[in-house]
Protein backbone atom coordinates (compact mmCIF):
# COMPACT_ATOMS: atom_id res chain seq x y z
CA MET A 1 17.36 1.00 12.08
CA LYS A 2 15.39 -1.64 13.98
CA ILE A 3 12.59 -3.05 11.82
CA LEU A 4 9.94 -5.49 12.98
CA ILE A 5 8.19 -7.45 10.19
CA LEU A 6 4.98 -9.27 11.09
CA GLY A 7 4.16 -12.15 8.75
CA ALA A 8 6.58 -14.32 6.77
CA GLY A 9 4.36 -14.90 3.74
CA GLN A 10 5.40 -13.96 0.22
CA VAL A 11 5.29 -10.20 0.83
CA GLY A 12 6.80 -10.43 4.33
CA SER A 13 9.63 -12.71 3.18
CA SER A 14 10.38 -10.38 0.27
CA ALA A 15 10.48 -7.39 2.64
CA ALA A 16 12.80 -9.26 5.00
CA TYR A 17 15.09 -10.18 2.10
CA HIS A 18 15.42 -6.61 0.82
CA LEU A 19 15.69 -4.88 4.18
CA SER A 20 18.13 -7.33 5.77
CA ARG A 21 20.61 -6.87 2.91
CA GLU A 22 21.17 -3.28 4.01
CA GLU A 23 23.84 -3.03 6.69
CA ALA A 24 22.11 -0.30 8.70
CA ASN A 25 19.04 -2.47 9.37
CA GLU A 26 18.35 -4.93 12.18
CA VAL A 27 15.39 -7.04 11.04
CA THR A 28 13.16 -9.26 13.20
CA VAL A 29 10.40 -11.38 11.62
CA VAL A 30 7.37 -12.73 13.51
CA ASP A 31 5.22 -15.59 12.20
CA LYS A 32 3.14 -18.47 13.56
CA SER A 33 5.09 -21.06 11.56
CA ALA A 34 8.40 -22.10 13.11
CA GLU A 35 9.27 -24.02 9.94
CA VAL A 36 8.82 -20.99 7.67
CA LEU A 37 10.93 -18.86 10.02
CA ARG A 38 13.65 -21.50 10.14
CA GLU A 39 13.89 -21.55 6.35
CA LEU A 40 14.00 -17.75 6.28
CA GLN A 41 16.70 -17.59 8.94
CA ASP A 42 18.83 -20.08 7.01
CA ARG A 43 18.92 -17.67 4.08
CA LEU A 44 18.97 -14.26 5.77
CA ASP A 45 20.78 -12.49 8.59
CA ILE A 46 17.65 -11.85 10.67
CA ARG A 47 16.16 -12.61 14.09
CA THR A 48 12.88 -14.56 14.25
CA VAL A 49 10.11 -14.96 16.82
CA VAL A 50 7.36 -17.58 16.68
CA GLY A 51 3.88 -16.39 17.67
CA HIS A 52 0.73 -14.45 16.80
CA ALA A 53 1.71 -11.10 15.31
CA ALA A 54 -0.83 -9.05 17.30
CA TYR A 55 -0.25 -10.52 20.78
CA PRO A 56 1.41 -8.05 23.20
CA ASP A 57 3.80 -10.61 24.69
CA VAL A 58 4.92 -11.74 21.22
CA LEU A 59 5.57 -8.15 20.15
CA GLU A 60 7.50 -7.54 23.36
CA ARG A 61 9.69 -10.60 22.75
CA ALA A 62 10.25 -9.43 19.20
CA GLY A 63 11.61 -6.09 20.44
CA ALA A 64 8.69 -3.75 19.74
CA GLY A 65 9.80 -1.65 22.72
CA ASP A 66 12.77 -0.22 20.83
CA ALA A 67 11.73 -0.83 17.20
CA ASP A 68 11.83 2.14 14.85
CA ILE A 69 9.32 0.69 12.40
CA ILE A 70 6.71 -2.06 12.58
CA VAL A 71 5.60 -3.52 9.24
CA ALA A 72 2.46 -5.66 9.57
CA LEU A 73 2.24 -7.89 6.48
CA THR A 74 0.15 -10.88 7.59
CA ASP A 75 -2.66 -12.18 5.36
CA ALA A 76 -5.34 -10.84 7.75
CA ASP A 77 -6.17 -7.11 7.65
CA GLU A 78 -7.58 -7.28 11.16
CA SER A 79 -4.40 -8.78 12.61
CA ASN A 80 -2.33 -6.08 10.92
CA MET A 81 -4.50 -3.29 12.27
CA VAL A 82 -4.58 -4.70 15.81
CA ALA A 83 -0.81 -5.20 15.76
CA CYS A 84 -0.32 -1.53 14.90
CA GLN A 85 -2.75 -0.55 17.66
CA VAL A 86 -0.89 -2.66 20.24
CA ALA A 87 2.50 -1.35 19.07
CA TYR A 88 1.30 2.25 19.43
CA THR A 89 -0.55 1.82 22.75
CA LEU A 90 1.99 -0.31 24.61
CA PHE A 91 5.31 0.44 22.94
CA LYS A 92 4.90 3.86 21.28
CA THR A 93 6.46 2.53 18.05
CA PRO A 94 7.19 5.64 15.91
CA THR A 95 6.22 4.31 12.44
CA LYS A 96 3.52 1.73 11.79
CA ILE A 97 2.93 0.28 8.32
CA ALA A 98 0.11 -2.16 7.61
CA ARG A 99 -0.92 -4.27 4.66
CA ILE A 100 -4.64 -3.67 4.05
CA ARG A 101 -6.21 -5.83 1.35
CA SER A 102 -9.88 -4.97 1.77
CA ALA A 103 -11.14 -2.01 -0.25
CA GLU A 104 -13.76 -1.42 2.46
CA TYR A 105 -11.01 -0.68 4.98
CA MET A 106 -8.80 1.22 2.53
CA ASN A 107 -11.62 3.60 1.61
CA ALA A 108 -12.54 4.37 5.23
CA ARG A 109 -10.00 7.20 5.59
CA LYS A 110 -11.24 8.50 8.96
CA LEU A 111 -10.59 5.07 10.41
CA PHE A 112 -6.80 5.44 10.32
CA THR A 113 -5.86 8.19 12.76
CA GLN A 114 -3.82 8.21 15.96
CA GLU A 115 -7.09 8.49 17.90
CA ALA A 116 -8.72 5.54 16.09
CA ILE A 117 -6.48 2.90 14.45
CA PRO A 118 -2.92 4.30 14.43
CA VAL A 119 -1.66 3.09 11.05
CA ASP A 120 0.72 5.64 9.52
CA VAL A 121 1.02 3.98 6.11
CA ARG A 122 -1.42 1.60 4.43
CA ILE A 123 -0.15 -0.69 1.66
CA SER A 124 -2.50 -2.63 -0.60
CA PRO A 125 -0.52 -5.02 -2.85
CA GLU A 126 -3.65 -5.73 -4.86
CA GLN A 127 -4.25 -2.04 -5.59
CA LEU A 128 -0.57 -1.44 -6.40
CA VAL A 129 -0.53 -4.37 -8.85
CA CYS A 130 -3.75 -3.15 -10.46
CA GLU A 131 -2.32 0.37 -10.97
CA TYR A 132 0.90 -1.14 -12.34
CA ILE A 133 -0.98 -3.16 -14.98
CA GLU A 134 -3.12 -0.15 -15.88
CA GLN A 135 0.03 1.80 -16.78
CA LEU A 136 1.33 -1.07 -18.94
CA ILE A 137 -1.97 -1.11 -20.81
CA LEU A 138 -1.92 2.68 -21.21
CA TYR A 139 1.57 2.51 -22.74
CA PRO A 140 1.63 -0.62 -24.94
CA GLY A 141 5.15 -1.73 -25.74
CA ALA A 142 6.51 -0.80 -22.30
CA LEU A 143 7.88 -3.45 -19.92
CA GLN A 144 7.60 -1.15 -16.90
CA VAL A 145 5.96 2.23 -16.33
CA LEU A 146 6.74 3.94 -13.03
CA ASP A 147 5.68 7.36 -11.73
CA PHE A 148 7.76 10.07 -10.07
CA ALA A 149 7.00 13.62 -8.91
CA ASN A 150 3.26 13.00 -8.67
CA GLY A 151 3.09 11.67 -12.21
CA ARG A 152 4.93 14.53 -13.93
CA VAL A 153 7.88 12.28 -14.72
CA ARG A 154 7.84 8.62 -15.69
CA LEU A 155 10.46 5.90 -15.80
CA ILE A 156 9.83 3.60 -18.75
CA GLY A 157 11.46 0.25 -19.40
CA ALA A 158 11.24 -0.97 -23.00
CA ARG A 159 13.00 -3.52 -25.17
CA ALA A 160 14.69 -1.94 -28.19
CA ASP A 161 13.21 -3.28 -31.41
CA ARG A 162 14.20 -2.94 -35.04
CA GLY A 163 11.35 -0.47 -35.61
CA GLY A 164 12.93 2.08 -33.25
CA LEU A 165 14.55 5.16 -34.75
CA LEU A 166 17.56 4.99 -32.38
CA ILE A 167 18.53 1.38 -33.09
CA ASP A 168 22.21 1.07 -34.11
CA GLN A 169 22.78 4.76 -33.42
CA LYS A 170 24.57 6.66 -30.66
CA ILE A 171 22.51 8.01 -27.77
CA SER A 172 23.86 11.50 -28.54
CA THR A 173 21.74 11.57 -31.72
CA LEU A 174 18.60 11.77 -29.56
CA LYS A 175 18.99 15.56 -29.47
CA GLU A 176 18.73 15.64 -33.26
CA HIS A 177 15.76 13.24 -33.43
CA ILE A 178 13.62 14.81 -30.68
CA PRO A 179 15.12 18.22 -29.85
CA ASN A 180 12.21 19.60 -27.83
CA THR A 181 11.61 16.70 -25.44
CA GLU A 182 12.75 16.29 -21.85
CA GLY A 183 14.11 12.79 -21.37
CA ARG A 184 17.23 10.80 -20.69
CA ILE A 185 18.33 7.17 -20.87
CA ALA A 186 19.05 6.02 -17.31
CA ALA A 187 20.33 2.48 -17.85
CA ILE A 188 20.77 -0.22 -20.47
CA TYR A 189 20.77 -3.97 -19.88
CA ARG A 190 22.36 -6.04 -22.66
CA ASP A 191 22.31 -9.82 -22.36
CA GLY A 192 21.22 -9.37 -18.74
CA LYS A 193 24.22 -7.20 -17.80
CA SER A 194 24.08 -3.56 -16.78
CA MET A 195 25.75 -0.90 -18.94
CA GLN A 196 26.50 2.69 -17.96
CA PRO A 197 25.21 4.69 -20.95
CA ASP A 198 26.89 7.83 -22.29
CA GLY A 199 26.57 9.82 -25.49
CA ASP A 200 28.72 7.38 -27.44
CA THR A 201 26.78 4.26 -26.39
CA VAL A 202 25.05 2.59 -29.34
CA ILE A 203 21.56 1.14 -28.79
CA ARG A 204 21.30 -2.43 -30.11
CA GLU A 205 18.22 -4.47 -30.95
CA GLY A 206 17.19 -6.49 -27.91
CA ASP A 207 18.61 -4.05 -25.35
CA GLU A 208 16.41 -3.43 -22.31
CA VAL A 209 16.42 0.36 -22.02
CA PHE A 210 15.24 2.38 -19.03
CA PHE A 211 14.56 6.05 -19.67
CA VAL A 212 13.18 8.90 -17.57
CA VAL A 213 10.94 11.33 -19.41
CA ALA A 214 8.34 14.03 -18.82
CA ARG A 215 4.87 12.50 -18.95
CA GLN A 216 3.81 14.31 -22.14
CA ASP A 217 6.88 13.03 -24.02
CA VAL A 218 6.56 9.30 -23.26
CA ARG A 219 5.24 8.20 -26.65
CA VAL A 220 7.71 10.34 -28.59
CA PHE A 221 10.62 8.88 -26.63
CA MET A 222 9.20 5.36 -26.93
CA SER A 223 9.20 5.66 -30.74
CA GLU A 224 13.00 5.99 -30.55
CA MET A 225 13.21 2.51 -28.99
CA ARG A 226 10.59 0.59 -30.95
CA LYS A 227 7.70 0.94 -33.37
CA LEU A 228 4.72 2.27 -31.46
CA ASP A 229 2.02 -0.29 -30.74
CA ASP A 230 -1.64 0.46 -31.40
CA PRO A 231 -3.71 1.51 -28.37
CA VAL A 232 -5.18 -1.37 -26.35
CA ARG A 233 -8.90 -1.95 -26.91
CA ARG A 234 -9.72 -5.57 -26.03
CA VAL A 235 -8.57 -7.05 -22.70
CA VAL A 236 -9.17 -10.55 -21.33
CA ILE A 237 -8.53 -11.15 -17.62
CA ALA A 238 -8.07 -14.70 -16.31
CA GLY A 239 -9.11 -14.84 -12.66
CA GLY A 240 -11.89 -13.04 -10.82
CA GLY A 241 -10.01 -12.45 -7.56
CA ASN A 242 -9.34 -9.09 -5.94
CA ILE A 243 -6.78 -8.01 -8.54
CA GLY A 244 -8.80 -9.20 -11.53
CA VAL A 245 -11.98 -7.44 -10.39
CA ARG A 246 -10.17 -4.19 -9.52
CA LEU A 247 -8.50 -4.18 -12.93
CA ALA A 248 -11.81 -4.84 -14.70
CA LEU A 249 -13.47 -1.99 -12.80
CA ALA A 250 -10.63 0.34 -13.76
CA LEU A 251 -10.69 -0.59 -17.46
CA GLU A 252 -14.30 -1.38 -18.32
CA HIS A 253 -15.28 2.19 -19.24
CA THR A 254 -12.40 2.65 -21.69
CA ASN A 255 -11.81 -0.90 -22.97
CA GLN A 256 -13.72 -4.02 -23.97
CA VAL A 257 -13.12 -6.26 -20.95
CA LYS A 258 -13.89 -9.94 -20.34
CA ILE A 259 -13.13 -11.90 -17.16
CA ILE A 260 -12.79 -15.69 -17.13
CA GLU A 261 -13.60 -17.21 -13.71
CA ARG A 262 -13.76 -20.94 -12.92
CA ASP A 263 -16.09 -20.77 -9.92
CA PRO A 264 -19.72 -20.17 -10.98
CA LYS A 265 -20.65 -18.66 -7.59
CA ARG A 266 -17.73 -16.24 -7.70
CA ALA A 267 -18.56 -15.39 -11.31
CA ARG A 268 -22.10 -14.48 -10.29
CA VAL A 269 -20.84 -12.23 -7.48
CA ILE A 270 -18.38 -10.31 -9.64
CA SER A 271 -20.88 -9.92 -12.48
CA GLU A 272 -23.00 -7.90 -10.07
CA GLN A 273 -20.03 -5.69 -9.18
CA LEU A 274 -19.16 -4.84 -12.78
CA ASN A 275 -21.07 -2.52 -15.10
CA LYS A 276 -19.82 -3.22 -18.62
CA ALA A 277 -17.28 -6.04 -18.38
CA ILE A 278 -18.44 -9.52 -19.46
CA VAL A 279 -17.93 -12.40 -17.03
CA LEU A 280 -17.36 -15.88 -18.46
CA VAL A 281 -17.47 -19.12 -16.46
CA GLY A 282 -14.70 -21.48 -17.47
CA ASP A 283 -11.02 -22.40 -17.40
CA ALA A 284 -8.64 -19.81 -18.90
CA ALA A 285 -6.38 -22.68 -20.03
CA ASP A 286 -9.23 -24.21 -22.08
CA GLU A 287 -8.17 -23.85 -25.71
CA GLU A 288 -11.73 -24.26 -27.01
CA LEU A 289 -13.02 -21.45 -24.76
CA LEU A 290 -10.25 -19.08 -25.81
CA LEU A 291 -10.90 -19.79 -29.49
CA GLU A 292 -14.65 -19.20 -28.99
CA GLU A 293 -13.83 -15.80 -27.46
CA ASN A 294 -11.64 -14.85 -30.44
CA ILE A 295 -8.41 -14.73 -28.48
CA ASP A 296 -6.53 -13.89 -31.69
CA ASN A 297 -8.24 -10.47 -31.67
CA VAL A 298 -7.33 -9.70 -28.05
CA ASP A 299 -4.79 -6.93 -27.44
CA VAL A 300 -3.85 -7.92 -23.87
CA PHE A 301 -4.39 -11.17 -21.95
CA CYS A 302 -3.76 -10.88 -18.19
CA ALA A 303 -3.46 -14.13 -16.19
CA LEU A 304 -4.14 -13.02 -12.60
CA THR A 305 -5.32 -16.11 -10.73
CA ASN A 306 -3.88 -17.20 -7.37
CA ALA A 307 -2.13 -20.18 -9.02
CA GLU A 308 1.01 -19.03 -10.81
CA GLU A 309 1.41 -22.33 -12.69
CA ALA A 310 -2.07 -21.83 -14.14
CA ASN A 311 -1.15 -18.23 -15.00
CA ILE A 312 1.93 -19.36 -16.89
CA LEU A 313 0.08 -22.07 -18.83
CA SER A 314 -2.93 -19.93 -19.76
CA ALA A 315 -0.74 -16.99 -20.81
CA MET A 316 1.46 -19.21 -22.98
CA LEU A 317 -1.62 -20.76 -24.56
CA ALA A 318 -3.20 -17.36 -25.22
CA LYS A 319 0.01 -16.18 -26.87
CA ARG A 320 0.19 -19.28 -29.07
CA LEU A 321 -3.42 -18.75 -30.13
CA GLY A 322 -2.74 -15.18 -31.25
CA ALA A 323 -3.15 -12.75 -28.31
CA ARG A 324 -0.99 -9.71 -29.08
CA LYS A 325 0.46 -9.30 -25.58
CA VAL A 326 0.24 -11.58 -22.54
CA MET A 327 1.03 -10.93 -18.87
CA ALA A 328 1.19 -13.41 -16.00
CA LEU A 329 1.13 -12.84 -12.24
CA ILE A 330 4.18 -14.65 -10.83
CA ASN A 331 5.09 -14.87 -7.14
CA ARG A 332 8.25 -16.96 -7.16
CA PRO A 333 11.41 -15.12 -8.31
CA SER A 334 12.77 -18.32 -9.88
CA TYR A 335 9.66 -18.56 -12.07
CA ALA A 336 10.01 -14.92 -13.09
CA GLU A 337 13.53 -15.63 -14.38
CA LEU A 338 12.28 -18.57 -16.45
CA ILE A 339 9.55 -16.40 -17.95
CA GLU A 340 12.18 -14.16 -19.60
CA SER A 341 12.96 -16.85 -22.17
CA SER A 342 9.30 -17.85 -22.73
CA PRO A 343 6.58 -16.47 -25.02
CA ILE A 344 5.11 -14.51 -22.07
CA ASP A 345 5.72 -10.79 -22.58
CA ILE A 346 5.61 -9.55 -18.98
CA ALA A 347 5.92 -11.33 -15.63
CA ILE A 348 4.19 -9.30 -12.90
CA SER A 349 5.71 -9.71 -9.44
CA PRO A 350 3.48 -8.45 -6.58
CA GLN A 351 6.45 -8.59 -4.21
CA GLN A 352 8.64 -6.37 -6.37
CA ILE A 353 5.83 -3.87 -6.89
CA THR A 354 4.95 -3.80 -3.19
CA ILE A 355 8.51 -3.60 -1.87
CA GLY A 356 9.08 -0.29 -3.65
CA SER A 357 6.13 1.28 -1.83
CA LEU A 358 7.44 -0.09 1.46
CA LEU A 359 11.05 1.01 0.94
CA ALA A 360 9.99 4.63 0.40
CA HIS A 361 8.84 4.71 4.04
CA VAL A 362 11.87 2.90 5.43
CA ARG A 363 14.64 4.88 3.75
CA ARG A 364 16.51 7.54 5.71
CA GLY A 365 16.62 11.05 4.31
CA ASP A 366 13.57 12.45 2.53
CA VAL A 367 12.97 9.62 0.05
CA VAL A 368 9.47 9.94 -1.39
CA LYS A 369 9.48 7.22 -4.04
CA VAL A 370 11.34 3.95 -4.55
CA HIS A 371 10.84 1.52 -7.41
CA SER A 372 12.53 -1.87 -7.27
CA LEU A 373 13.83 -3.02 -10.67
CA ARG A 374 15.45 -6.09 -12.15
CA ARG A 375 14.09 -8.35 -9.38
CA GLY A 376 15.53 -6.09 -6.67
CA ALA A 377 19.05 -5.72 -8.08
CA ALA A 378 18.47 -2.08 -9.09
CA GLU A 379 16.39 0.81 -7.78
CA ALA A 380 14.99 4.05 -9.11
CA ILE A 381 14.68 6.61 -6.32
CA GLU A 382 13.11 10.03 -5.88
CA ALA A 383 14.72 12.00 -3.04
CA VAL A 384 14.17 15.59 -1.92
CA ALA A 385 17.18 17.83 -1.29
CA HIS A 386 16.88 19.84 1.95
CA GLY A 387 18.95 22.38 3.85
CA GLU A 388 21.55 24.92 2.83
CA ALA A 389 24.90 24.30 1.20
CA GLU A 390 26.82 24.30 4.49
CA GLU A 391 24.65 21.53 6.01
CA SER A 392 23.95 19.36 2.97
CA GLN A 393 26.14 17.16 0.80
CA VAL A 394 24.06 17.87 -2.32
CA VAL A 395 22.47 21.34 -2.09
CA GLY A 396 24.47 24.06 -3.86
CA ARG A 397 26.73 21.51 -5.58
CA LYS A 398 27.15 20.59 -9.20
CA ILE A 399 26.31 16.95 -9.96
CA GLU A 400 29.94 16.28 -10.89
CA GLU A 401 30.95 17.41 -7.37
CA ILE A 402 28.60 15.00 -5.57
CA GLU A 403 30.26 11.75 -4.47
CA LEU A 404 27.63 9.33 -5.73
CA PRO A 405 28.09 5.59 -5.10
CA ARG A 406 29.45 3.62 -8.03
CA GLY A 407 26.67 2.64 -10.43
CA THR A 408 24.42 5.53 -9.35
CA ASN A 409 23.37 8.36 -11.66
CA ILE A 410 21.26 11.47 -11.15
CA ILE A 411 18.95 11.42 -14.16
CA THR A 412 16.36 14.14 -13.73
CA ILE A 413 15.54 17.00 -11.38
CA VAL A 414 12.00 18.27 -10.82
CA ARG A 415 12.03 21.89 -9.60
CA GLY A 416 8.50 23.14 -9.02
CA ASP A 417 6.71 22.52 -12.33
CA GLN A 418 9.97 22.35 -14.27
CA VAL A 419 11.51 19.06 -15.40
CA ILE A 420 15.29 19.43 -15.77
CA ILE A 421 17.44 16.77 -17.43
CA ALA A 422 20.54 16.44 -15.25
CA HIS A 423 23.99 17.28 -16.66
CA HIS A 424 27.39 17.24 -15.00
CA ASP A 425 27.24 20.99 -14.27
CA THR A 426 23.61 21.10 -13.05
CA VAL A 427 23.45 22.59 -9.53
CA ILE A 428 21.09 21.00 -6.98
CA GLN A 429 18.88 23.50 -5.15
CA THR A 430 16.90 23.25 -1.91
CA ASP A 431 13.59 21.34 -2.34
CA ASP A 432 14.61 19.86 -5.69
CA HIS A 433 13.13 16.40 -6.31
CA VAL A 434 16.14 14.40 -7.50
CA ILE A 435 15.50 11.21 -9.48
CA LEU A 436 18.35 8.69 -9.38
CA PHE A 437 18.99 5.29 -10.91
CA MET A 438 21.06 2.82 -8.88
CA THR A 439 22.28 -0.37 -10.53
CA ASP A 440 23.76 -1.74 -7.27
CA ARG A 441 21.27 -1.26 -4.43
CA ARG A 442 23.74 -2.68 -1.89
CA LYS A 443 25.25 0.82 -1.73
CA ILE A 444 21.95 2.39 -0.64
CA ASP A 445 23.35 3.43 2.77
CA ARG A 446 25.85 5.79 1.14
CA LEU A 447 23.14 7.29 -1.02
CA GLU A 448 20.80 7.84 1.95
CA ASN A 449 23.57 9.64 3.82
CA LEU A 450 23.95 12.11 0.97
CA PHE A 451 20.36 13.30 1.38
CA GLN A 452 20.43 13.60 5.15
CA VAL A 453 20.87 17.02 6.70
CA GLY A 454 22.69 17.39 9.98
CA VAL A 455 25.27 19.29 12.00
CA SER A 456 27.89 16.74 10.98
CA PHE A 457 28.04 18.39 7.57
CA ILE A 458 28.66 21.93 8.88
C-alpha cells in the first residue's frame, strides 16, 4: 500500500514510524524542513520530499498520482484540507485523511463532502485525547479504557493491587468469583514482559492486566484486580489550551473543575467559554498556589500544557502534595518510559492515542477499530468477518482452526447485541465483530490477510 504522509511533526513522525514498520507499506513523508526529514530518514525505511504539503507540484513529486492513501497531518488545518482537495482534484487519490484541530471545522459536517472539501476521514488529536482522559476519570483505577463495538465492549488496562480479589489466584477462579459476567483477560505484562495467560496463570501484585469486558461489567471485573477507587469529584487541569478547555467543558457539569492558566489574557478568554469551571491565573508548578487550592483534596490532577517538562514537574509536585491521581501529557516516547518509574500515575501520549484512529483506516480487511498499546508494541483490534466459509479464512471455522499469528488471541466476539467470550471451539460467523489482542504488531500483515475475502480462498 502506497501511503503519503504530509507533515513530519510529532503526529506525522509517529504515523511514519508505525506504518513504515509494516512490510506491505511504501511510505513517503512530505515536510518543509529538510533537516527534520533527514533525521526521520536516518531512522526509518521511508522516502522523503521537501516542500509545502498542499502544492500540486510537491504532491506530484511525492507520488500522489499512484498513492492509495494521503494522510495530511501538518499543524495547519487549512493546509491539510487544501492538500486533500488537490489530491482529489488532480490525482484522484482514493482515501484522504486529514488532521483537523479546530472545533469550528470539525462541527461543520456539511463542509466535508466530495462536492465541497473531499476529506474522507477527519482526525482531531485534541478531541481523541480529551475523550481518552474522560474514560480514565469515569473508571478510576484504570490505566487505559478503550471502546469496541460502539461502546458495548471495553478493553481495560489496570495494575493488579493487593486489594484485588484475584491476586495470587489462578485466572480460572474468575468463573467462581463472578459467574454471570462477560469478560476475559487478554494479556498480562509482568516486569515489562508479555505473558500469554491461560486458566492456570496466577495473577501477581504489580501485574499490568488487560481485560476485555462488556460495558456493564467493567466495575465488577475491575474489583478482581484491585480495590475499587471512589468516584472522581474534584479535578484540577493545568493548562488552558485546546485539550484543557475541551476536557473542562466535558466535565464541568458532573465534576468540580478548576483550570490553572499562566496567561491572564488566555484565562479571560476561556473563562467566558466555560459555565461552571473555575479559571485560576498562575503557574501549576507553584507549590503555594496548589496548597491554597487544597490540592490534597483533589481526586485527579491533569497536566495538559504544551510543555511536557512543565507537565512532568507540576504532576510530580501535585502528587507529592497529596493529589490522589495525577496524569501528564507527554509527547516524547523516551519521557513516557521514564514516567513509569516516577510518582506520576498515567502518562498520556497524544501520538499513541491518535495512531490507533489512523491505523483503523489504513488496515486492509474490514478493520473498524485499532488501539495502540504499550507504546506501539501491541495492538487491540476489532475486525469484521465477511463472506462465506469457502471464501474466508475465518468464517465457519472454530477459533482453534484459525491460523493466528504467534502472540495473537481472539478474545471476544460481538454478534448483534450479544457479547460472546471466545473459546477454542467458538465458531466465527459472517458479520461477527471479532476483537483480538496482538502482542507483536509486526505480524499485522498475516492478521489482515485472514480477514480479507477473495477468490484466492475458494
